[in-house]
Amino acid sequence: MTKYTRIESNSYFLEMLIPILVFDVALVAWSLHLMQQAFNQREFSLMLAGSLVALSAAAMLVVYFLVENCLTSLTNTLV
């Protein structure tokens, strides 16, 4: 019974990971675009914006894995 619940919850998290990864790739692409514009125009604010966008993409993945770990732990203790 516990293995079935664990497999079911992992499947749910994998289904949620795909849209998050797609969104993350889009954020990184946008970040690189901003940084390229900053380099071409020699403008610091665009470089800062690109860095912040890249940081937010990384933070979103970190939060996803932390939440997955917490919810998996809670699910396993409740079952």
C-alpha atoms as a PDB file:
ATOM      1  CA  MET A   1       0.000   0.000   0.000  1.00  0.00           C
ATOM      2  CA  THR A   2       2.782   2.434   0.838  1.00  0.00           C
ATOM      3  CA  LYS A   3       4.683   1.742  -2.401  1.00  0.00           C
ATOM      4  CA  TYR A   4       1.574   2.468  -4.470  1.00  0.00           C
ATOM      5  CA  THR A   5       1.101   5.816  -2.736  1.00  0.00           C
ATOM      6  CA  ARG A   6       4.770   6.685  -3.163  1.00  0.00           C
ATOM      7  CA  ILE A   7       4.670   5.857  -6.889  1.00  0.00           C
ATOM      8  CA  GLU A   8       1.434   7.793  -7.307  1.00  0.00           C
ATOM      9  CA  SER A   9       2.815  10.895  -5.587  1.00  0.00           C
ATOM     10  CA  ASN A  10       6.082  10.727  -7.587  1.00  0.00           C
ATOM     11  CA  SER A  11       4.046  10.528 -10.794  1.00  0.00           C
ATOM     12  CA  TYR A  12       2.147  13.658  -9.799  1.00  0.00           C
ATOM     13  CA  PHE A  13       5.374  15.539  -9.094  1.00  0.00           C
ATOM     14  CA  LEU A  14       6.849  14.455 -12.426  1.00  0.00           C
ATOM     15  CA  GLU A  15       3.738  15.724 -14.211  1.00  0.00           C
ATOM     16  CA  MET A  16       4.175  19.075 -12.484  1.00  0.00           C
ATOM     17  CA  LEU A  17       7.886  19.200 -13.307  1.00  0.00           C
ATOM     18  CA  ILE A  18       7.376  19.326 -17.078  1.00  0.00           C
ATOM     19  CA  PRO A  19       5.498  22.680 -17.201  1.00  0.00           C
ATOM     20  CA  ILE A  20       7.876  24.138 -14.629  1.00  0.00           C
ATOM     21  CA  LEU A  21      10.881  23.101 -16.732  1.00  0.00           C
ATOM     22  CA  VAL A  22       9.307  24.593 -19.864  1.00  0.00           C
ATOM     23  CA  PHE A  23       8.674  27.846 -18.002  1.00  0.00           C
ATOM     24  CA  ASP A  24      12.223  27.782 -16.619  1.00  0.00           C
ATOM     25  CA  VAL A  25      13.728  27.320 -20.078  1.00  0.00           C
ATOM     26  CA  ALA A  26      11.648  30.269 -21.307  1.00  0.00           C
ATOM     27  CA  LEU A  27      12.890  32.400 -18.404  1.00  0.00           C
ATOM     28  CA  VAL A  28      16.517  31.490 -19.082  1.00  0.00           C
ATOM     29  CA  ALA A  29      16.094  32.263 -22.795  1.00  0.00           C
ATOM     30  CA  TRP A  30      14.578  35.636 -21.936  1.00  0.00           C
ATOM     31  CA  SER A  31      17.398  36.258 -19.472  1.00  0.00           C
ATOM     32  CA  LEU A  32      20.022  35.536 -22.124  1.00  0.00           C
ATOM     33  CA  HIS A  33      18.202  37.827 -24.553  1.00  0.00           C
ATOM     34  CA  LEU A  34      18.210  40.645 -21.989  1.00  0.00           C
ATOM     35  CA  MET A  35      21.892  40.116 -21.273  1.00  0.00           C
ATOM     36  CA  GLN A  36      22.736  40.167 -24.985  1.00  0.00           C
ATOM     37  CA  GLN A  37      20.849  43.440 -25.383  1.00  0.00           C
ATOM     38  CA  ALA A  38      22.681  44.823 -22.361  1.00  0.00           C
ATOM     39  CA  PHE A  39      26.020  43.880 -23.854  1.00  0.00           C
ATOM     40  CA  ASN A  40      25.147  45.396 -27.237  1.00  0.00           C
ATOM     41  CA  GLN A  41      23.798  48.641 -25.759  1.00  0.00           C
ATOM     42  CA  ARG A  42      26.340  48.779 -22.904  1.00  0.00           C
ATOM     43  CA  GLU A  43      23.543  49.241 -20.391  1.00  0.00           C
ATOM     44  CA  PHE A  44      23.857  48.011 -16.842  1.00  0.00           C
ATOM     45  CA  SER A  45      20.145  47.954 -16.024  1.00  0.00           C
ATOM     46  CA  LEU A  46      19.404  45.338 -18.696  1.00  0.00           C
ATOM     47  CA  MET A  47      22.245  43.184 -17.402  1.00  0.00           C
ATOM     48  CA  LEU A  48      20.826  43.460 -13.903  1.00  0.00           C
ATOM     49  CA  ALA A  49      17.349  42.568 -15.181  1.00  0.00           C
ATOM     50  CA  GLY A  50      18.725  39.520 -17.012  1.00  0.00           C
ATOM     51  CA  SER A  51      20.558  38.392 -13.905  1.00  0.00           C
ATOM     52  CA  LEU A  52      17.421  38.749 -11.793  1.00  0.00           C
ATOM     53  CA  VAL A  53      15.366  36.755 -14.300  1.00  0.00           C
ATOM     54  CA  ALA A  54      17.967  33.981 -14.318  1.00  0.00           C
ATOM     55  CA  LEU A  55      18.044  34.003 -10.511  1.00  0.00           C
ATOM     56  CA  SER A  56      14.260  33.708 -10.353  1.00  0.00           C
ATOM     57  CA  ALA A  57      14.351  30.706 -12.709  1.00  0.00           C
ATOM     58  CA  ALA A  58      16.883  28.983 -10.472  1.00  0.00           C
ATOM     59  CA  ALA A  59      14.917  29.874  -7.340  1.00  0.00           C
ATOM     60  CA  MET A  60      11.739  28.431  -8.827  1.00  0.00           C
ATOM     61  CA  LEU A  61      13.453  25.068  -9.361  1.00  0.00           C
ATOM     62  CA  VAL A  62      14.874  25.101  -5.829  1.00  0.00           C
ATOM     63  CA  VAL A  63      11.454  25.820  -4.360  1.00  0.00           C
ATOM     64  CA  TYR A  64       9.883  23.072  -6.477  1.00  0.00           C
ATOM     65  CA  PHE A  65      12.340  20.452  -5.217  1.00  0.00           C
ATOM     66  CA  LEU A  66      12.008  21.624  -1.601  1.00  0.00           C
ATOM     67  CA  VAL A  67       8.213  21.453  -1.757  1.00  0.00           C
ATOM     68  CA  GLU A  68       8.351  18.054  -3.461  1.00  0.00           C
ATOM     69  CA  ASN A  69      10.623  16.740  -0.730  1.00  0.00           C
ATOM     70  CA  CYS A  70       8.401  18.115   2.059  1.00  0.00           C
ATOM     71  CA  LEU A  71       5.170  16.848   0.538  1.00  0.00           C
ATOM     72  CA  THR A  72       6.648  13.418  -0.182  1.00  0.00           C
ATOM     73  CA  SER A  73       7.832  13.220   3.414  1.00  0.00           C
ATOM     74  CA  LEU A  74       4.421  14.278   4.729  1.00  0.00           C
ATOM     75  CA  THR A  75       2.639  11.813   2.454  1.00  0.00           C
ATOM     76  CA  ASN A  76       4.838   8.954   3.617  1.00  0.00           C
ATOM     77  CA  THR A  77       4.339   9.755   7.305  1.00  0.00           C
ATOM     78  CA  LEU A  78       0.568  10.083   6.969  1.00  0.00           C
ATOM     79  CA  VAL A  79       0.134   6.791   5.127  1.00  0.00           C
END
